[in-house]
């Protein structure tokens, strides 16, 4: 096909011109471009070739109006400055940007009244969907089933099984950590955790026990739980080693805890990883790569989690609905020097 417009008329092509070049009606061209209605494959191909020849770009605003949409999505979070929230939001916005969707970002700061205010504001703006991002992985209160737009909960699942949620698989992360330590010959493995009221702490501890059971091993001592600080990592490591000096591997439920444990091991003259291998969670890169040795960690894949939540919103908006579920995203092992000695 040849573009018959002269250089002086090289303005954006119209759908009418695409239809004329393809030799079809305007209605047929519209159906072919938008993937709607019954159009023969050969006809659709001819229309798409004509659109490509004319460099035709559908008017997104016009398409949204025809479909009864605004081309906007709301993102509500309770912790906009949180270290875990930023990569989730970045992943979601990446997906939205690729789909030419505008995003309204709201920070409820953990306040239920503020959240309801933001919710009303988003609905008044007639957003096409809403992603709700929690500040931790504990289940949160549902916004309800009466909302006029689809809602996906990210990081923190909804407490209503009728809602769609996308969360990190923390239990799988705990198993992955143990499998790695066992693979490098460690058999006396302990676990240092944070605040036990956090679902992430309980899930990671359960995963650690599952991994040990699968390997025919038992946890050395009890799970050492208190808070998420490096200070507790130091104290917990000292306590565990005083009671169980045979420990040769430690799974820590966060990178901060792992950094503290490494400090204590150094003070006690234990080499990492030769004497005791250490693995953390969260893959907080600035912390993990500045540790000495660099810290092996479990990466929760938060950007991919955000992208997945955005894709599920797209599916719901387009009517590609599925059964509501809590989708658990797999984690990934990032190996560094705290479990594998660097080559000399």
Protein backbone atom coordinates (compact mmCIF):
# COMPACT_ATOMS: atom_id res chain seq x y z
CA UNK A 1 0.00 0.00 0.00
CA UNK A 2 1.17 3.52 -0.78
CA UNK A 3 0.58 6.67 1.24
CA UNK A 4 -0.91 9.07 -1.32
CA UNK A 5 -0.72 12.18 0.85
CA UNK A 6 1.68 14.86 -0.38
CA UNK A 7 4.45 16.25 1.87
CA UNK A 8 2.38 19.40 2.41
CA UNK A 9 -0.43 17.31 3.88
CA UNK A 10 1.66 15.15 6.21
CA UNK A 11 -0.63 15.76 9.19
CA UNK A 12 -1.68 12.89 11.49
CA UNK A 13 -3.69 10.36 9.50
CA UNK A 14 -7.38 9.86 10.25
CA UNK A 15 -9.32 6.65 10.60
CA UNK A 16 -11.30 7.65 7.50
CA UNK A 17 -8.08 7.69 5.46
CA UNK A 18 -7.11 4.29 6.83
CA UNK A 19 -10.52 2.92 5.80
CA UNK A 20 -10.18 4.41 2.31
CA UNK A 21 -6.69 2.99 1.81
CA UNK A 22 -7.77 -0.45 3.03
CA UNK A 23 -10.93 -0.35 0.93
CA UNK A 24 -13.30 -0.96 3.85
CA UNK A 25 -16.01 0.99 5.62
CA UNK A 26 -15.22 3.34 8.51
CA UNK A 27 -17.04 1.01 10.92
CA UNK A 28 -15.01 -2.00 9.80
CA UNK A 29 -11.74 -0.05 10.13
CA UNK A 30 -12.72 0.99 13.66
CA UNK A 31 -13.50 -2.60 14.68
CA UNK A 32 -10.23 -3.85 13.22
CA UNK A 33 -8.10 -1.17 14.92
CA UNK A 34 -9.78 -1.61 18.31
CA UNK A 35 -9.98 -5.39 18.18
CA UNK A 36 -13.74 -5.33 18.57
CA UNK A 37 -16.49 -7.10 16.66
CA UNK A 38 -16.34 -9.75 13.97
CA UNK A 39 -13.75 -8.86 11.32
CA UNK A 40 -12.28 -11.37 8.90
CA UNK A 41 -8.57 -12.01 9.54
CA UNK A 42 -7.62 -10.95 6.00
CA UNK A 43 -9.61 -7.72 6.37
CA UNK A 44 -8.05 -6.98 9.74
CA UNK A 45 -4.59 -7.52 8.28
CA UNK A 46 -5.38 -5.16 5.39
CA UNK A 47 -6.59 -2.46 7.80
CA UNK A 48 -3.52 -2.82 10.03
CA UNK A 49 -1.22 -2.59 7.01
CA UNK A 50 -3.01 0.58 5.92
CA UNK A 51 -2.67 2.03 9.42
CA UNK A 52 1.04 1.21 9.41
CA UNK A 53 1.52 2.77 5.95
CA UNK A 54 -0.16 5.99 7.11
CA UNK A 55 1.56 5.94 10.53
CA UNK A 56 -1.90 6.08 12.04
CA UNK A 57 -2.05 6.41 15.84
CA UNK A 58 -5.47 5.99 17.49
CA UNK A 59 -6.55 8.96 19.55
CA UNK A 60 -6.35 7.56 23.08
CA UNK A 61 -8.74 10.13 24.52
CA UNK A 62 -11.33 9.40 21.84
CA UNK A 63 -10.97 5.64 22.36
CA UNK A 64 -11.44 6.05 26.11
CA UNK A 65 -14.55 8.16 25.60
CA UNK A 66 -16.03 5.57 23.25
CA UNK A 67 -15.39 2.88 25.85
CA UNK A 68 -16.74 4.99 28.71
CA UNK A 69 -13.32 5.38 30.37
CA UNK A 70 -11.18 8.25 31.61
CA UNK A 71 -7.76 6.66 31.08
CA UNK A 72 -6.87 7.22 34.76
CA UNK A 73 -6.08 4.88 37.66
CA UNK A 74 -5.74 5.65 41.36
CA UNK A 75 -2.81 4.43 43.47
CA UNK A 76 -3.46 4.60 47.22
CA UNK A 77 -0.71 3.85 49.72
CA UNK A 78 -0.27 4.18 53.46
CA UNK A 79 3.48 4.81 53.38
CA UNK A 80 4.62 6.80 50.36
CA UNK A 81 8.15 7.24 51.79
CA UNK A 82 8.54 3.57 52.71
CA UNK A 83 11.47 1.63 51.32
CA UNK A 84 9.19 -1.19 50.17
CA UNK A 85 6.51 1.05 48.68
CA UNK A 86 8.66 2.96 46.19
CA UNK A 87 9.67 -0.04 44.00
CA UNK A 88 6.06 -1.29 43.99
CA UNK A 89 4.81 2.09 42.81
CA UNK A 90 7.62 2.30 40.24
CA UNK A 91 6.65 -1.09 38.82
CA UNK A 92 2.98 -0.14 38.63
CA UNK A 93 3.73 3.20 36.97
CA UNK A 94 5.99 1.44 34.44
CA UNK A 95 3.05 -0.71 33.39
CA UNK A 96 0.65 2.22 33.36
CA UNK A 97 3.03 4.33 31.30
CA UNK A 98 3.25 1.63 28.65
CA UNK A 99 -0.54 1.68 28.43
CA UNK A 100 -0.84 5.48 28.29
CA UNK A 101 -2.71 5.61 31.60
CA UNK A 102 -2.56 8.63 33.90
CA UNK A 103 -2.01 7.91 37.59
CA UNK A 104 -3.40 9.73 40.62
CA UNK A 105 -1.15 8.98 43.63
CA UNK A 106 -2.61 9.33 47.14
CA UNK A 107 -0.90 8.80 50.53
CA UNK A 108 -3.32 7.92 53.33
CA UNK A 109 -0.45 7.86 55.90
CA UNK A 110 -2.05 4.94 57.66
CA UNK A 111 -5.16 6.95 58.58
CA UNK A 112 -8.56 5.38 57.80
CA UNK A 113 -10.36 8.73 57.57
CA UNK A 114 -7.76 10.11 55.18
CA UNK A 115 -8.03 6.93 53.10
CA UNK A 116 -11.80 7.35 52.77
CA UNK A 117 -11.28 10.99 51.72
CA UNK A 118 -8.83 9.91 49.00
CA UNK A 119 -11.18 7.15 47.89
CA UNK A 120 -14.06 9.60 47.41
CA UNK A 121 -11.77 11.99 45.53
CA UNK A 122 -10.63 9.22 43.16
CA UNK A 123 -14.18 8.08 42.50
CA UNK A 124 -15.25 11.69 41.86
CA UNK A 125 -12.52 11.85 39.25
CA UNK A 126 -14.05 8.74 37.68
CA UNK A 127 -10.86 6.69 37.72
CA UNK A 128 -11.09 3.38 35.86
CA UNK A 129 -9.53 1.33 38.68
CA UNK A 130 -7.64 1.55 41.99
CA UNK A 131 -4.54 -0.17 43.35
CA UNK A 132 -4.24 -0.16 47.15
CA UNK A 133 -0.66 -0.63 48.41
CA UNK A 134 -0.23 -1.66 52.06
CA UNK A 135 2.64 -0.67 54.35
CA UNK A 136 3.28 -4.28 55.51
CA UNK A 137 2.10 -7.73 54.50
CA UNK A 138 -0.52 -8.12 57.22
CA UNK A 139 -4.06 -8.39 55.81
CA UNK A 140 -5.81 -5.01 55.67
CA UNK A 141 -9.46 -3.98 55.74
CA UNK A 142 -11.24 -4.28 52.40
CA UNK A 143 -12.68 -1.19 50.73
CA UNK A 144 -15.81 -3.27 50.14
CA UNK A 145 -17.56 -4.87 47.19
CA UNK A 146 -19.85 -1.96 46.28
CA UNK A 147 -17.26 0.21 44.50
CA UNK A 148 -18.03 1.00 40.85
CA UNK A 149 -14.46 0.26 39.67
CA UNK A 150 -12.11 -2.73 40.03
CA UNK A 151 -9.66 -2.72 42.96
CA UNK A 152 -6.43 -4.71 43.36
CA UNK A 153 -4.57 -4.88 46.69
CA UNK A 154 -0.77 -4.99 46.48
CA UNK A 155 1.79 -6.07 49.11
CA UNK A 156 -0.87 -6.21 51.86
CA UNK A 157 -3.74 -8.57 50.98
CA UNK A 158 -7.36 -7.65 51.57
CA UNK A 159 -9.10 -9.39 54.46
CA UNK A 160 -11.98 -10.23 52.10
CA UNK A 161 -11.44 -13.37 49.94
CA UNK A 162 -13.72 -11.80 47.31
CA UNK A 163 -10.98 -9.23 46.56
CA UNK A 164 -7.96 -9.59 44.26
CA UNK A 165 -4.56 -9.31 46.00
CA UNK A 166 -0.92 -9.55 44.85
CA UNK A 167 1.61 -10.21 47.61
CA UNK A 168 5.20 -11.46 48.04
CA UNK A 169 5.53 -15.16 48.88
CA UNK A 170 7.44 -14.78 52.14
CA UNK A 171 7.17 -18.46 53.05
CA UNK A 172 8.82 -19.37 49.75
CA UNK A 173 11.55 -16.85 50.58
CA UNK A 174 12.29 -18.62 53.86
CA UNK A 175 12.48 -21.99 52.10
CA UNK A 176 14.75 -20.55 49.42
CA UNK A 177 17.16 -19.24 52.06
CA UNK A 178 17.42 -22.63 53.77
CA UNK A 179 17.83 -24.49 50.47
CA UNK A 180 20.77 -22.26 49.62
CA UNK A 181 22.48 -22.79 52.98
CA UNK A 182 21.96 -26.55 52.77
CA UNK A 183 23.33 -26.57 49.20
CA UNK A 184 26.64 -25.15 50.48
CA UNK A 185 26.90 -27.75 53.23
CA UNK A 186 25.40 -25.98 56.25
CA UNK A 187 23.48 -28.21 58.65
CA UNK A 188 23.35 -26.26 61.94
CA UNK A 189 21.03 -23.44 60.93
CA UNK A 190 19.46 -20.79 63.19
CA UNK A 191 16.89 -18.09 62.45
CA UNK A 192 16.85 -14.45 63.58
CA UNK A 193 13.56 -12.64 63.01
CA UNK A 194 11.96 -9.25 63.61
CA UNK A 195 8.66 -8.15 65.10
CA UNK A 196 6.57 -11.34 65.48
CA UNK A 197 3.32 -9.40 64.91
CA UNK A 198 4.34 -8.90 61.27
CA UNK A 199 2.88 -11.48 58.88
CA UNK A 200 6.16 -11.39 56.94
CA UNK A 201 8.06 -12.54 60.05
CA UNK A 202 5.69 -15.43 60.68
CA UNK A 203 5.64 -16.48 57.01
CA UNK A 204 9.42 -16.39 56.66
CA UNK A 205 9.86 -18.40 59.87
CA UNK A 206 7.35 -20.98 58.58
CA UNK A 207 9.27 -21.18 55.32
CA UNK A 208 12.55 -21.70 57.18
CA UNK A 209 11.05 -24.61 59.16
CA UNK A 210 9.56 -26.13 55.99
CA UNK A 211 12.93 -25.93 54.24
CA UNK A 212 14.73 -27.57 57.13
CA UNK A 213 12.11 -30.31 57.39
CA UNK A 214 12.49 -31.05 53.67
CA UNK A 215 16.26 -31.38 54.18
CA UNK A 216 15.83 -33.67 57.19
CA UNK A 217 17.16 -31.00 59.57
CA UNK A 218 15.84 -29.15 62.61
CA UNK A 219 16.17 -25.49 63.55
CA UNK A 220 18.97 -24.85 66.01
CA UNK A 221 17.40 -23.17 69.03
CA UNK A 222 14.21 -21.14 68.91
CA UNK A 223 13.40 -18.37 66.43
CA UNK A 224 15.01 -15.25 67.91
CA UNK A 225 12.33 -12.54 67.53
CA UNK A 226 12.16 -8.93 68.70
CA UNK A 227 12.43 -6.03 66.19
CA UNK A 228 13.91 -5.25 62.78
CA UNK A 229 17.06 -3.36 63.89
CA UNK A 230 20.75 -4.09 63.41
CA UNK A 231 21.05 -3.79 67.20
CA UNK A 232 18.73 -6.77 67.66
CA UNK A 233 20.62 -8.67 64.97
CA UNK A 234 23.83 -8.24 66.98
CA UNK A 235 22.22 -9.24 70.29
CA UNK A 236 20.31 -12.18 68.85
CA UNK A 237 23.41 -13.55 67.15
CA UNK A 238 25.44 -13.29 70.38
CA UNK A 239 22.67 -15.04 72.34
CA UNK A 240 22.30 -17.87 69.83
CA UNK A 241 26.03 -18.53 69.59
CA UNK A 242 26.45 -18.54 73.38
CA UNK A 243 23.80 -21.26 73.59
CA UNK A 244 24.67 -23.10 70.36
CA UNK A 245 28.31 -22.52 69.34
CA UNK A 246 27.96 -25.22 66.65
CA UNK A 247 25.81 -22.92 64.42
CA UNK A 248 27.24 -22.75 60.88
CA UNK A 249 24.41 -20.91 59.08
CA UNK A 250 21.92 -18.17 59.99
CA UNK A 251 18.82 -17.07 58.09
CA UNK A 252 17.88 -13.50 59.00
CA UNK A 253 14.39 -12.17 58.26
CA UNK A 254 15.78 -8.83 57.06
CA UNK A 255 19.04 -7.40 55.76
CA UNK A 256 19.32 -5.11 58.79
CA UNK A 257 19.24 -8.10 61.11
CA UNK A 258 21.87 -9.82 58.97
CA UNK A 259 24.18 -6.81 59.09
CA UNK A 260 23.97 -6.84 62.88
CA UNK A 261 24.68 -10.57 63.01
CA UNK A 262 27.78 -10.11 60.83
CA UNK A 263 29.08 -7.48 63.29
CA UNK A 264 28.76 -9.91 66.19
CA UNK A 265 30.42 -12.74 64.28
CA UNK A 266 33.34 -10.49 63.46
CA UNK A 267 33.70 -9.45 67.11
CA UNK A 268 33.66 -13.11 68.17
CA UNK A 269 36.35 -14.02 65.65
CA UNK A 270 34.00 -16.09 63.49
CA UNK A 271 34.67 -15.80 59.76
CA UNK A 272 31.81 -15.10 57.35
CA UNK A 273 31.11 -17.23 55.37
CA UNK A 274 33.84 -19.77 56.16
CA UNK A 275 32.66 -20.44 59.74
CA UNK A 276 29.11 -19.13 59.61
CA UNK A 277 27.17 -18.31 56.43
CA UNK A 278 24.64 -15.47 56.70
CA UNK A 279 21.65 -14.77 54.47
CA UNK A 280 19.18 -11.86 54.75
CA UNK A 281 15.82 -10.89 53.26
CA UNK A 282 14.61 -7.90 51.19
CA UNK A 283 17.79 -7.35 49.10
CA UNK A 284 18.10 -3.74 50.24
CA UNK A 285 20.87 -3.16 47.74
CA UNK A 286 22.58 -0.13 49.29
CA UNK A 287 22.84 -2.04 52.57
CA UNK A 288 23.65 -5.47 51.14
CA UNK A 289 26.41 -4.30 48.80
CA UNK A 290 28.07 -2.12 51.45
CA UNK A 291 28.20 -4.96 53.95
CA UNK A 292 31.55 -6.69 54.43
CA UNK A 293 31.37 -9.27 53.09
CA UNK A 294 28.55 -8.35 50.74
CA UNK A 295 25.28 -9.84 51.88
CA UNK A 296 23.45 -12.72 50.21
CA UNK A 297 19.75 -11.87 50.33
CA UNK A 298 16.27 -12.91 49.21
CA UNK A 299 14.84 -10.38 46.73
CA UNK A 300 11.03 -9.99 47.00
CA UNK A 301 10.73 -8.67 43.42
CA UNK A 302 8.65 -5.65 44.39
CA UNK A 303 8.78 -3.91 41.01
CA UNK A 304 7.42 -7.02 39.31
CA UNK A 305 4.77 -7.20 42.02
CA UNK A 306 3.71 -3.64 41.14
CA UNK A 307 3.67 -4.42 37.42
CA UNK A 308 1.55 -7.52 38.06
CA UNK A 309 -0.97 -5.52 40.10
CA UNK A 310 -1.21 -3.01 37.24
CA UNK A 311 -1.73 -5.77 34.67
CA UNK A 312 -4.54 -7.25 36.78
CA UNK A 313 -6.19 -3.82 36.86
CA UNK A 314 -5.90 -3.67 33.05
CA UNK A 315 -7.52 -7.10 32.77
CA UNK A 316 -10.38 -6.11 35.08
CA UNK A 317 -10.97 -2.84 33.21
CA UNK A 318 -11.07 -4.72 29.89
CA UNK A 319 -13.53 -7.23 31.29
CA UNK A 320 -11.05 -10.13 31.40
CA UNK A 321 -12.15 -11.16 34.85
CA UNK A 322 -11.02 -14.23 36.73
CA UNK A 323 -11.74 -15.73 40.14
CA UNK A 324 -10.49 -13.44 42.95
CA UNK A 325 -7.34 -14.77 44.59
CA UNK A 326 -4.34 -13.91 46.70
CA UNK A 327 -1.56 -14.17 44.08
CA UNK A 328 1.77 -14.89 45.79
CA UNK A 329 4.75 -13.63 43.79
CA UNK A 330 7.92 -15.78 43.90
CA UNK A 331 11.10 -14.42 45.43
CA UNK A 332 14.63 -14.70 44.06
CA UNK A 333 17.98 -15.57 45.65
CA UNK A 334 20.77 -13.00 45.20
CA UNK A 335 24.09 -14.67 46.09
CA UNK A 336 26.93 -12.56 47.46
CA UNK A 337 29.96 -13.04 49.66
CA UNK A 338 28.24 -13.76 52.98
CA UNK A 339 27.47 -17.32 51.84
CA UNK A 340 29.97 -17.95 49.03
CA UNK A 341 33.62 -16.85 49.52
CA UNK A 342 34.87 -14.50 46.84
CA UNK A 343 37.37 -15.99 44.40
CA UNK A 344 40.88 -14.81 45.04
